Amino acid sequence: AAGHLESVKRMVEDGRDCAEVLTQLAAVRAAIGSTAKLILKDHIEH
């Protein structure tokens, strides 16, 4: 997720299309959300 976010930052710096940037930000947000779910599941179980 950190690597993906860094690539989104480069997209912004390169002046890439806003729709592309938003799509990639949504993907980063989804990755972080799924990671949080994994942490929560592990925490509940253990």
ModelCIF file with pLDDT and N, C-alpha, C, O atoms, coordinates in Angstrom:
data_MODEL
#
_entry.id   MODEL 
#
_entity.id                         1 
_entity.type                       polymer 
_entity.pdbx_number_of_molecules   1 
#
_entity_poly.entity_id                      1 
_entity_poly.type                           'polypeptide(L)' 
_entity_poly.nstd_linkage                   no 
_entity_poly.nstd_monomer                   no 
_entity_poly.pdbx_seq_one_letter_code       AAGHLESVKRMVEDGRDCAEVLTQLAAVRAAIGSTAKLILKDHIEH 
_entity_poly.pdbx_seq_one_letter_code_can   AAGHLESVKRMVEDGRDCAEVLTQLAAVRAAIGSTAKLILKDHIEH 
_entity_poly.pdbx_strand_id                 A 
#
loop_
_entity_poly_seq.entity_id 
_entity_poly_seq.num 
_entity_poly_seq.mon_id 
_entity_poly_seq.hetero 
1 1  ALA n 
1 2  ALA n 
1 3  GLY n 
1 4  HIS n 
1 5  LEU n 
1 6  GLU n 
1 7  SER n 
1 8  VAL n 
1 9  LYS n 
1 10 ARG n 
1 11 MET n 
1 12 VAL n 
1 13 GLU n 
1 14 ASP n 
1 15 GLY n 
1 16 ARG n 
1 17 ASP n 
1 18 CYS n 
1 19 ALA n 
1 20 GLU n 
1 21 VAL n 
1 22 LEU n 
1 23 THR n 
1 24 GLN n 
1 25 LEU n 
1 26 ALA n 
1 27 ALA n 
1 28 VAL n 
1 29 ARG n 
1 30 ALA n 
1 31 ALA n 
1 32 ILE n 
1 33 GLY n 
1 34 SER n 
1 35 THR n 
1 36 ALA n 
1 37 LYS n 
1 38 LEU n 
1 39 ILE n 
1 40 LEU n 
1 41 LYS n 
1 42 ASP n 
1 43 HIS n 
1 44 ILE n 
1 45 GLU n 
1 46 HIS n 
#
_struct_asym.id          A 
_struct_asym.entity_id   1 
#
loop_
_ma_qa_metric.id 
_ma_qa_metric.mode 
_ma_qa_metric.name 
_ma_qa_metric.software_group_id 
_ma_qa_metric.type 
1 global pLDDT . pLDDT 
2 local  pLDDT . pLDDT 
#
_ma_qa_metric_global.metric_id      1 
_ma_qa_metric_global.metric_value   94.09 
_ma_qa_metric_global.model_id       1 
_ma_qa_metric_global.ordinal_id     1 
#
loop_
_ma_qa_metric_local.label_asym_id 
_ma_qa_metric_local.label_comp_id 
_ma_qa_metric_local.label_seq_id 
_ma_qa_metric_local.metric_id 
_ma_qa_metric_local.metric_value 
_ma_qa_metric_local.model_id 
_ma_qa_metric_local.ordinal_id 
A ALA 1  2 97.00 1 1  
A ALA 2  2 97.00 1 2  
A GLY 3  2 98.00 1 3  
A HIS 4  2 98.00 1 4  
A LEU 5  2 98.00 1 5  
A GLU 6  2 98.00 1 6  
A SER 7  2 98.00 1 7  
A VAL 8  2 98.00 1 8  
A LYS 9  2 98.00 1 9  
A ARG 10 2 98.00 1 10 
A MET 11 2 98.00 1 11 
A VAL 12 2 98.00 1 12 
A GLU 13 2 98.00 1 13 
A ASP 14 2 98.00 1 14 
A GLY 15 2 98.00 1 15 
A ARG 16 2 98.00 1 16 
A ASP 17 2 98.00 1 17 
A CYS 18 2 97.00 1 18 
A ALA 19 2 98.00 1 19 
A GLU 20 2 98.00 1 20 
A VAL 21 2 98.00 1 21 
A LEU 22 2 98.00 1 22 
A THR 23 2 98.00 1 23 
A GLN 24 2 98.00 1 24 
A LEU 25 2 97.00 1 25 
A ALA 26 2 97.00 1 26 
A ALA 27 2 97.00 1 27 
A VAL 28 2 97.00 1 28 
A ARG 29 2 95.00 1 29 
A ALA 30 2 96.00 1 30 
A ALA 31 2 96.00 1 31 
A ILE 32 2 95.00 1 32 
A GLY 33 2 93.00 1 33 
A SER 34 2 93.00 1 34 
A THR 35 2 94.00 1 35 
A ALA 36 2 92.00 1 36 
A LYS 37 2 89.00 1 37 
A LEU 38 2 91.00 1 38 
A ILE 39 2 89.00 1 39 
A LEU 40 2 85.00 1 40 
A LYS 41 2 85.00 1 41 
A ASP 42 2 85.00 1 42 
A HIS 43 2 81.00 1 43 
A ILE 44 2 79.00 1 44 
A GLU 45 2 78.00 1 45 
A HIS 46 2 75.00 1 46 
#
loop_
_atom_site.group_PDB 
_atom_site.id 
_atom_site.type_symbol 
_atom_site.label_atom_id 
_atom_site.label_alt_id 
_atom_site.label_comp_id 
_atom_site.label_asym_id 
_atom_site.label_entity_id 
_atom_site.label_seq_id 
_atom_site.pdbx_PDB_ins_code 
_atom_site.Cartn_x 
_atom_site.Cartn_y 
_atom_site.Cartn_z 
_atom_site.occupancy 
_atom_site.B_iso_or_equiv 
_atom_site.pdbx_formal_charge 
_atom_site.auth_seq_id 
_atom_site.auth_comp_id 
_atom_site.auth_asym_id 
_atom_site.auth_atom_id 
_atom_site.pdbx_PDB_model_num 
ATOM 1   N N  . ALA A 1 1  ? 0.838   -1.207  0.000   1.00 97.00 ? 1  ALA A N  1 
ATOM 2   C CA . ALA A 1 1  ? 0.000   0.000   0.000   1.00 97.00 ? 1  ALA A CA 1 
ATOM 3   C C  . ALA A 1 1  ? 0.870   1.253   0.000   1.00 97.00 ? 1  ALA A C  1 
ATOM 4   O O  . ALA A 1 1  ? 0.554   2.225   -0.685  1.00 97.00 ? 1  ALA A O  1 
ATOM 5   N N  . ALA A 1 2  ? 1.958   1.237   0.759   1.00 97.00 ? 2  ALA A N  1 
ATOM 6   C CA . ALA A 1 2  ? 2.862   2.387   0.795   1.00 97.00 ? 2  ALA A CA 1 
ATOM 7   C C  . ALA A 1 2  ? 3.492   2.610   -0.580  1.00 97.00 ? 2  ALA A C  1 
ATOM 8   O O  . ALA A 1 2  ? 3.607   3.748   -1.037  1.00 97.00 ? 2  ALA A O  1 
ATOM 9   N N  . GLY A 1 3  ? 3.895   1.537   -1.229  1.00 98.00 ? 3  GLY A N  1 
ATOM 10  C CA . GLY A 1 3  ? 4.453   1.651   -2.570  1.00 98.00 ? 3  GLY A CA 1 
ATOM 11  C C  . GLY A 1 3  ? 3.436   2.171   -3.562  1.00 98.00 ? 3  GLY A C  1 
ATOM 12  O O  . GLY A 1 3  ? 3.754   2.991   -4.423  1.00 98.00 ? 3  GLY A O  1 
ATOM 13  N N  . HIS A 1 4  ? 2.223   1.694   -3.436  1.00 98.00 ? 4  HIS A N  1 
ATOM 14  C CA . HIS A 1 4  ? 1.145   2.144   -4.313  1.00 98.00 ? 4  HIS A CA 1 
ATOM 15  C C  . HIS A 1 4  ? 0.872   3.628   -4.095  1.00 98.00 ? 4  HIS A C  1 
ATOM 16  O O  . HIS A 1 4  ? 0.700   4.379   -5.055  1.00 98.00 ? 4  HIS A O  1 
ATOM 17  N N  . LEU A 1 5  ? 0.833   4.045   -2.839  1.00 98.00 ? 5  LEU A N  1 
ATOM 18  C CA . LEU A 1 5  ? 0.598   5.453   -2.521  1.00 98.00 ? 5  LEU A CA 1 
ATOM 19  C C  . LEU A 1 5  ? 1.729   6.325   -3.064  1.00 98.00 ? 5  LEU A C  1 
ATOM 20  O O  . LEU A 1 5  ? 1.485   7.431   -3.547  1.00 98.00 ? 5  LEU A O  1 
ATOM 21  N N  . GLU A 1 6  ? 2.944   5.836   -2.987  1.00 98.00 ? 6  GLU A N  1 
ATOM 22  C CA . GLU A 1 6  ? 4.082   6.585   -3.535  1.00 98.00 ? 6  GLU A CA 1 
ATOM 23  C C  . GLU A 1 6  ? 3.923   6.751   -5.054  1.00 98.00 ? 6  GLU A C  1 
ATOM 24  O O  . GLU A 1 6  ? 4.254   7.801   -5.604  1.00 98.00 ? 6  GLU A O  1 
ATOM 25  N N  . SER A 1 7  ? 3.419   5.715   -5.720  1.00 98.00 ? 7  SER A N  1 
ATOM 26  C CA . SER A 1 7  ? 3.208   5.839   -7.168  1.00 98.00 ? 7  SER A CA 1 
ATOM 27  C C  . SER A 1 7  ? 2.086   6.829   -7.483  1.00 98.00 ? 7  SER A C  1 
ATOM 28  O O  . SER A 1 7  ? 2.137   7.507   -8.508  1.00 98.00 ? 7  SER A O  1 
ATOM 29  N N  . VAL A 1 8  ? 1.087   6.919   -6.625  1.00 98.00 ? 8  VAL A N  1 
ATOM 30  C CA . VAL A 1 8  ? 0.016   7.907   -6.802  1.00 98.00 ? 8  VAL A CA 1 
ATOM 31  C C  . VAL A 1 8  ? 0.583   9.316   -6.626  1.00 98.00 ? 8  VAL A C  1 
ATOM 32  O O  . VAL A 1 8  ? 0.221   10.235  -7.360  1.00 98.00 ? 8  VAL A O  1 
ATOM 33  N N  . LYS A 1 9  ? 1.469   9.476   -5.652  1.00 98.00 ? 9  LYS A N  1 
ATOM 34  C CA . LYS A 1 9  ? 2.122   10.769  -5.444  1.00 98.00 ? 9  LYS A CA 1 
ATOM 35  C C  . LYS A 1 9  ? 2.872   11.186  -6.710  1.00 98.00 ? 9  LYS A C  1 
ATOM 36  O O  . LYS A 1 9  ? 2.807   12.343  -7.128  1.00 98.00 ? 9  LYS A O  1 
ATOM 37  N N  . ARG A 1 10 ? 3.581   10.238  -7.311  1.00 98.00 ? 10 ARG A N  1 
ATOM 38  C CA . ARG A 1 10 ? 4.307   10.554  -8.555  1.00 98.00 ? 10 ARG A CA 1 
ATOM 39  C C  . ARG A 1 10 ? 3.331   10.913  -9.685  1.00 98.00 ? 10 ARG A C  1 
ATOM 40  O O  . ARG A 1 10 ? 3.623   11.772  -10.517 1.00 98.00 ? 10 ARG A O  1 
ATOM 41  N N  . MET A 1 11 ? 2.176   10.247  -9.704  1.00 98.00 ? 11 MET A N  1 
ATOM 42  C CA . MET A 1 11 ? 1.159   10.578  -10.707 1.00 98.00 ? 11 MET A CA 1 
ATOM 43  C C  . MET A 1 11 ? 0.747   12.043  -10.578 1.00 98.00 ? 11 MET A C  1 
ATOM 44  O O  . MET A 1 11 ? 0.638   12.754  -11.576 1.00 98.00 ? 11 MET A O  1 
ATOM 45  N N  . VAL A 1 12 ? 0.522   12.484  -9.349  1.00 98.00 ? 12 VAL A N  1 
ATOM 46  C CA . VAL A 1 12 ? 0.127   13.878  -9.106  1.00 98.00 ? 12 VAL A CA 1 
ATOM 47  C C  . VAL A 1 12 ? 1.248   14.814  -9.531  1.00 98.00 ? 12 VAL A C  1 
ATOM 48  O O  . VAL A 1 12 ? 1.009   15.819  -10.202 1.00 98.00 ? 12 VAL A O  1 
ATOM 49  N N  . GLU A 1 13 ? 2.476   14.479  -9.136  1.00 98.00 ? 13 GLU A N  1 
ATOM 50  C CA . GLU A 1 13 ? 3.622   15.310  -9.501  1.00 98.00 ? 13 GLU A CA 1 
ATOM 51  C C  . GLU A 1 13 ? 3.792   15.403  -11.018 1.00 98.00 ? 13 GLU A C  1 
ATOM 52  O O  . GLU A 1 13 ? 4.237   16.426  -11.538 1.00 98.00 ? 13 GLU A O  1 
ATOM 53  N N  . ASP A 1 14 ? 3.438   14.336  -11.718 1.00 98.00 ? 14 ASP A N  1 
ATOM 54  C CA . ASP A 1 14 ? 3.563   14.297  -13.180 1.00 98.00 ? 14 ASP A CA 1 
ATOM 55  C C  . ASP A 1 14 ? 2.365   14.918  -13.895 1.00 98.00 ? 14 ASP A C  1 
ATOM 56  O O  . ASP A 1 14 ? 2.328   14.980  -15.124 1.00 98.00 ? 14 ASP A O  1 
ATOM 57  N N  . GLY A 1 15 ? 1.386   15.378  -13.113 1.00 98.00 ? 15 GLY A N  1 
ATOM 58  C CA . GLY A 1 15 ? 0.227   16.030  -13.714 1.00 98.00 ? 15 GLY A CA 1 
ATOM 59  C C  . GLY A 1 15 ? -0.741  15.075  -14.395 1.00 98.00 ? 15 GLY A C  1 
ATOM 60  O O  . GLY A 1 15 ? -1.420  15.458  -15.348 1.00 98.00 ? 15 GLY A O  1 
ATOM 61  N N  . ARG A 1 16 ? -0.810  13.844  -13.922 1.00 98.00 ? 16 ARG A N  1 
ATOM 62  C CA . ARG A 1 16 ? -1.706  12.851  -14.513 1.00 98.00 ? 16 ARG A CA 1 
ATOM 63  C C  . ARG A 1 16 ? -3.161  13.246  -14.298 1.00 98.00 ? 16 ARG A C  1 
ATOM 64  O O  . ARG A 1 16 ? -3.483  14.049  -13.422 1.00 98.00 ? 16 ARG A O  1 
ATOM 65  N N  . ASP A 1 17 ? -4.012  12.676  -15.099 1.00 98.00 ? 17 ASP A N  1 
ATOM 66  C CA . ASP A 1 17 ? -5.442  12.939  -15.080 1.00 98.00 ? 17 ASP A CA 1 
ATOM 67  C C  . ASP A 1 17 ? -6.030  12.693  -13.679 1.00 98.00 ? 17 ASP A C  1 
ATOM 68  O O  . ASP A 1 17 ? -5.728  11.687  -13.037 1.00 98.00 ? 17 ASP A O  1 
ATOM 69  N N  . CYS A 1 18 ? -6.866  13.622  -13.225 1.00 97.00 ? 18 CYS A N  1 
ATOM 70  C CA . CYS A 1 18 ? -7.470  13.535  -11.882 1.00 97.00 ? 18 CYS A CA 1 
ATOM 71  C C  . CYS A 1 18 ? -8.278  12.249  -11.703 1.00 97.00 ? 18 CYS A C  1 
ATOM 72  O O  . CYS A 1 18 ? -8.254  11.646  -10.630 1.00 97.00 ? 18 CYS A O  1 
ATOM 73  N N  . ALA A 1 19 ? -8.984  11.835  -12.736 1.00 98.00 ? 19 ALA A N  1 
ATOM 74  C CA . ALA A 1 19 ? -9.788  10.613  -12.633 1.00 98.00 ? 19 ALA A CA 1 
ATOM 75  C C  . ALA A 1 19 ? -8.885  9.404   -12.389 1.00 98.00 ? 19 ALA A C  1 
ATOM 76  O O  . ALA A 1 19 ? -9.230  8.525   -11.599 1.00 98.00 ? 19 ALA A O  1 
ATOM 77  N N  . GLU A 1 20 ? -7.742  9.354   -13.054 1.00 98.00 ? 20 GLU A N  1 
ATOM 78  C CA . GLU A 1 20 ? -6.786  8.256   -12.847 1.00 98.00 ? 20 GLU A CA 1 
ATOM 79  C C  . GLU A 1 20 ? -6.256  8.278   -11.420 1.00 98.00 ? 20 GLU A C  1 
ATOM 80  O O  . GLU A 1 20 ? -6.159  7.238   -10.768 1.00 98.00 ? 20 GLU A O  1 
ATOM 81  N N  . VAL A 1 21 ? -5.915  9.470   -10.941 1.00 98.00 ? 21 VAL A N  1 
ATOM 82  C CA . VAL A 1 21 ? -5.392  9.613   -9.584  1.00 98.00 ? 21 VAL A CA 1 
ATOM 83  C C  . VAL A 1 21 ? -6.440  9.165   -8.572  1.00 98.00 ? 21 VAL A C  1 
ATOM 84  O O  . VAL A 1 21 ? -6.123  8.429   -7.638  1.00 98.00 ? 21 VAL A O  1 
ATOM 85  N N  . LEU A 1 22 ? -7.672  9.597   -8.747  1.00 98.00 ? 22 LEU A N  1 
ATOM 86  C CA . LEU A 1 22 ? -8.737  9.216   -7.818  1.00 98.00 ? 22 LEU A CA 1 
ATOM 87  C C  . LEU A 1 22 ? -8.978  7.707   -7.832  1.00 98.00 ? 22 LEU A C  1 
ATOM 88  O O  . LEU A 1 22 ? -9.227  7.107   -6.786  1.00 98.00 ? 22 LEU A O  1 
ATOM 89  N N  . THR A 1 23 ? -8.906  7.101   -9.005  1.00 98.00 ? 23 THR A N  1 
ATOM 90  C CA . THR A 1 23 ? -9.079  5.650   -9.106  1.00 98.00 ? 23 THR A CA 1 
ATOM 91  C C  . THR A 1 23 ? -7.987  4.927   -8.326  1.00 98.00 ? 23 THR A C  1 
ATOM 92  O O  . THR A 1 23 ? -8.256  3.955   -7.620  1.00 98.00 ? 23 THR A O  1 
ATOM 93  N N  . GLN A 1 24 ? -6.755  5.408   -8.460  1.00 98.00 ? 24 GLN A N  1 
ATOM 94  C CA . GLN A 1 24 ? -5.645  4.777   -7.749  1.00 98.00 ? 24 GLN A CA 1 
ATOM 95  C C  . GLN A 1 24 ? -5.724  5.038   -6.235  1.00 98.00 ? 24 GLN A C  1 
ATOM 96  O O  . GLN A 1 24 ? -5.372  4.172   -5.434  1.00 98.00 ? 24 GLN A O  1 
ATOM 97  N N  . LEU A 1 25 ? -6.181  6.222   -5.857  1.00 97.00 ? 25 LEU A N  1 
ATOM 98  C CA . LEU A 1 25 ? -6.375  6.499   -4.431  1.00 97.00 ? 25 LEU A CA 1 
ATOM 99  C C  . LEU A 1 25 ? -7.444  5.585   -3.835  1.00 97.00 ? 25 LEU A C  1 
ATOM 100 O O  . LEU A 1 25 ? -7.317  5.136   -2.695  1.00 97.00 ? 25 LEU A O  1 
ATOM 101 N N  . ALA A 1 26 ? -8.484  5.313   -4.599  1.00 97.00 ? 26 ALA A N  1 
ATOM 102 C CA . ALA A 1 26 ? -9.528  4.392   -4.131  1.00 97.00 ? 26 ALA A CA 1 
ATOM 103 C C  . ALA A 1 26 ? -8.936  2.996   -3.929  1.00 97.00 ? 26 ALA A C  1 
ATOM 104 O O  . ALA A 1 26 ? -9.300  2.297   -2.983  1.00 97.00 ? 26 ALA A O  1 
ATOM 105 N N  . ALA A 1 27 ? -8.029  2.592   -4.812  1.00 97.00 ? 27 ALA A N  1 
ATOM 106 C CA . ALA A 1 27 ? -7.390  1.288   -4.676  1.00 97.00 ? 27 ALA A CA 1 
ATOM 107 C C  . ALA A 1 27 ? -6.515  1.235   -3.424  1.00 97.00 ? 27 ALA A C  1 
ATOM 108 O O  . ALA A 1 27 ? -6.495  0.223   -2.724  1.00 97.00 ? 27 ALA A O  1 
ATOM 109 N N  . VAL A 1 28 ? -5.794  2.319   -3.140  1.00 97.00 ? 28 VAL A N  1 
ATOM 110 C CA . VAL A 1 28 ? -4.968  2.385   -1.928  1.00 97.00 ? 28 VAL A CA 1 
ATOM 111 C C  . VAL A 1 28 ? -5.861  2.322   -0.696  1.00 97.00 ? 28 VAL A C  1 
ATOM 112 O O  . VAL A 1 28 ? -5.566  1.599   0.256   1.00 97.00 ? 28 VAL A O  1 
ATOM 113 N N  . ARG A 1 29 ? -6.947  3.075   -0.716  1.00 95.00 ? 29 ARG A N  1 
ATOM 114 C CA . ARG A 1 29 ? -7.875  3.078   0.418   1.00 95.00 ? 29 ARG A CA 1 
ATOM 115 C C  . ARG A 1 29 ? -8.453  1.676   0.642   1.00 95.00 ? 29 ARG A C  1 
ATOM 116 O O  . ARG A 1 29 ? -8.585  1.238   1.785   1.00 95.00 ? 29 ARG A O  1 
ATOM 117 N N  . ALA A 1 30 ? -8.797  0.976   -0.435  1.00 96.00 ? 30 ALA A N  1 
ATOM 118 C CA . ALA A 1 30 ? -9.331  -0.384  -0.315  1.00 96.00 ? 30 ALA A CA 1 
ATOM 119 C C  . ALA A 1 30 ? -8.275  -1.324  0.265   1.00 96.00 ? 30 ALA A C  1 
ATOM 120 O O  . ALA A 1 30 ? -8.591  -2.181  1.090   1.00 96.00 ? 30 ALA A O  1 
ATOM 121 N N  . ALA A 1 31 ? -7.021  -1.165  -0.168  1.00 96.00 ? 31 ALA A N  1 
ATOM 122 C CA . ALA A 1 31 ? -5.943  -2.008  0.354   1.00 96.00 ? 31 ALA A CA 1 
ATOM 123 C C  . ALA A 1 31 ? -5.743  -1.777  1.844   1.00 96.00 ? 31 ALA A C  1 
ATOM 124 O O  . ALA A 1 31 ? -5.539  -2.729  2.597   1.00 96.00 ? 31 ALA A O  1 
ATOM 125 N N  . ILE A 1 32 ? -5.798  -0.535  2.273   1.00 95.00 ? 32 ILE A N  1 
ATOM 126 C CA . ILE A 1 32 ? -5.644  -0.220  3.697   1.00 95.00 ? 32 ILE A CA 1 
ATOM 127 C C  . ILE A 1 32 ? -6.833  -0.777  4.483   1.00 95.00 ? 32 ILE A C  1 
ATOM 128 O O  . ILE A 1 32 ? -6.665  -1.316  5.577   1.00 95.00 ? 32 ILE A O  1 
ATOM 129 N N  . GLY A 1 33 ? -8.028  -0.642  3.920   1.00 93.00 ? 33 GLY A N  1 
ATOM 130 C CA . GLY A 1 33 ? -9.217  -1.176  4.579   1.00 93.00 ? 33 GLY A CA 1 
ATOM 131 C C  . GLY A 1 33 ? -9.152  -2.684  4.753   1.00 93.00 ? 33 GLY A C  1 
ATOM 132 O O  . GLY A 1 33 ? -9.515  -3.202  5.809   1.00 93.00 ? 33 GLY A O  1 
ATOM 133 N N  . SER A 1 34 ? -8.695  -3.394  3.728   1.00 93.00 ? 34 SER A N  1 
ATOM 134 C CA . SER A 1 34 ? -8.606  -4.855  3.842   1.00 93.00 ? 34 SER A CA 1 
ATOM 135 C C  . SER A 1 34 ? -7.519  -5.245  4.842   1.00 93.00 ? 34 SER A C  1 
ATOM 136 O O  . SER A 1 34 ? -7.640  -6.261  5.525   1.00 93.00 ? 34 SER A O  1 
ATOM 137 N N  . THR A 1 35 ? -6.464  -4.443  4.928   1.00 94.00 ? 35 THR A N  1 
ATOM 138 C CA . THR A 1 35 ? -5.421  -4.699  5.926   1.00 94.00 ? 35 THR A CA 1 
ATOM 139 C C  . THR A 1 35 ? -5.976  -4.481  7.326   1.00 94.00 ? 35 THR A C  1 
ATOM 140 O O  . THR A 1 35 ? -5.699  -5.267  8.232   1.00 94.00 ? 35 THR A O  1 
ATOM 141 N N  . ALA A 1 36 ? -6.745  -3.441  7.507   1.00 92.00 ? 36 ALA A N  1 
ATOM 142 C CA . ALA A 1 36 ? -7.361  -3.176  8.813   1.00 92.00 ? 36 ALA A CA 1 
ATOM 143 C C  . ALA A 1 36 ? -8.283  -4.326  9.211   1.00 92.00 ? 36 ALA A C  1 
ATOM 144 O O  . ALA A 1 36 ? -8.310  -4.723  10.376  1.00 92.00 ? 36 ALA A O  1 
ATOM 145 N N  . LYS A 1 37 ? -9.031  -4.859  8.258   1.00 89.00 ? 37 LYS A N  1 
ATOM 146 C CA . LYS A 1 37 ? -9.911  -6.001  8.553   1.00 89.00 ? 37 LYS A CA 1 
ATOM 147 C C  . LYS A 1 37 ? -9.098  -7.207  8.996   1.00 89.00 ? 37 LYS A C  1 
ATOM 148 O O  . LYS A 1 37 ? -9.496  -7.923  9.915   1.00 89.00 ? 37 LYS A O  1 
ATOM 149 N N  . LEU A 1 38 ? -7.957  -7.437  8.345   1.00 91.00 ? 38 LEU A N  1 
ATOM 150 C CA . LEU A 1 38 ? -7.090  -8.549  8.719   1.00 91.00 ? 38 LEU A CA 1 
ATOM 151 C C  . LEU A 1 38 ? -6.559  -8.363  10.138  1.00 91.00 ? 38 LEU A C  1 
ATOM 152 O O  . LEU A 1 38 ? -6.529  -9.314  10.918  1.00 91.00 ? 38 LEU A O  1 
ATOM 153 N N  . ILE A 1 39 ? -6.143  -7.152  10.473  1.00 89.00 ? 39 ILE A N  1 
ATOM 154 C CA . ILE A 1 39 ? -5.661  -6.851  11.823  1.00 89.00 ? 39 ILE A CA 1 
ATOM 155 C C  . ILE A 1 39 ? -6.777  -7.068  12.836  1.00 89.00 ? 39 ILE A C  1 
ATOM 156 O O  . ILE A 1 39 ? -6.556  -7.679  13.882  1.00 89.00 ? 39 ILE A O  1 
ATOM 157 N N  . LEU A 1 40 ? -7.964  -6.578  12.536  1.00 85.00 ? 40 LEU A N  1 
ATOM 158 C CA . LEU A 1 40 ? -9.099  -6.732  13.443  1.00 85.00 ? 40 LEU A CA 1 
ATOM 159 C C  . LEU A 1 40 ? -9.446  -8.202  13.645  1.00 85.00 ? 40 LEU A C  1 
ATOM 160 O O  . LEU A 1 40 ? -9.669  -8.636  14.775  1.00 85.00 ? 40 LEU A O  1 
ATOM 161 N N  . LYS A 1 41 ? -9.494  -8.964  12.567  1.00 85.00 ? 41 LYS A N  1 
ATOM 162 C CA . LYS A 1 41 ? -9.809  -10.399 12.660  1.00 85.00 ? 41 LYS A CA 1 
ATOM 163 C C  . LYS A 1 41 ? -8.770  -11.104 13.529  1.00 85.00 ? 41 LYS A C  1 
ATOM 164 O O  . LYS A 1 41 ? -9.121  -11.890 14.409  1.00 85.00 ? 41 LYS A O  1 
ATOM 165 N N  . ASP A 1 42 ? -7.491  -10.823 13.279  1.00 85.00 ? 42 ASP A N  1 
ATOM 166 C CA . ASP A 1 42 ? -6.427  -11.434 14.053  1.00 85.00 ? 42 ASP A CA 1 
ATOM 167 C C  . ASP A 1 42 ? -6.534  -11.041 15.526  1.00 85.00 ? 42 ASP A C  1 
ATOM 168 O O  . ASP A 1 42 ? -6.350  -11.870 16.417  1.00 85.00 ? 42 ASP A O  1 
ATOM 169 N N  . HIS A 1 43 ? -6.830  -9.779  15.762  1.00 81.00 ? 43 HIS A N  1 
ATOM 170 C CA . HIS A 1 43 ? -6.959  -9.292  17.134  1.00 81.00 ? 43 HIS A CA 1 
ATOM 171 C C  . HIS A 1 43 ? -8.117  -9.982  17.851  1.00 81.00 ? 43 HIS A C  1 
ATOM 172 O O  . HIS A 1 43 ? -7.977  -10.396 19.002  1.00 81.00 ? 43 HIS A O  1 
ATOM 173 N N  . ILE A 1 44 ? -9.242  -10.106 17.184  1.00 79.00 ? 44 ILE A N  1 
ATOM 174 C CA . ILE A 1 44 ? -10.397 -10.767 17.799  1.00 79.00 ? 44 ILE A CA 1 
ATOM 175 C C  . ILE A 1 44 ? -10.084 -12.223 18.102  1.00 79.00 ? 44 ILE A C  1 
ATOM 176 O O  . ILE A 1 44 ? -10.393 -12.716 19.187  1.00 79.00 ? 44 ILE A O  1 
ATOM 177 N N  . GLU A 1 45 ? -9.469  -12.913 17.143  1.00 78.00 ? 45 GLU A N  1 
ATOM 178 C CA . GLU A 1 45 ? -9.191  -14.335 17.325  1.00 78.00 ? 45 GLU A CA 1 
ATOM 179 C C  . GLU A 1 45 ? -8.151  -14.604 18.399  1.00 78.00 ? 45 GLU A C  1 
ATOM 180 O O  . GLU A 1 45 ? -8.227  -15.617 19.094  1.00 78.00 ? 45 GLU A O  1 
ATOM 181 N N  . HIS A 1 46 ? -7.168  -13.699 18.548  1.00 75.00 ? 46 HIS A N  1 
ATOM 182 C CA . HIS A 1 46 ? -6.049  -14.011 19.423  1.00 75.00 ? 46 HIS A CA 1 
ATOM 183 C C  . HIS A 1 46 ? -5.955  -13.167 20.678  1.00 75.00 ? 46 HIS A C  1 
ATOM 184 O O  . HIS A 1 46 ? -5.042  -13.356 21.481  1.00 75.00 ? 46 HIS A O  1 
#
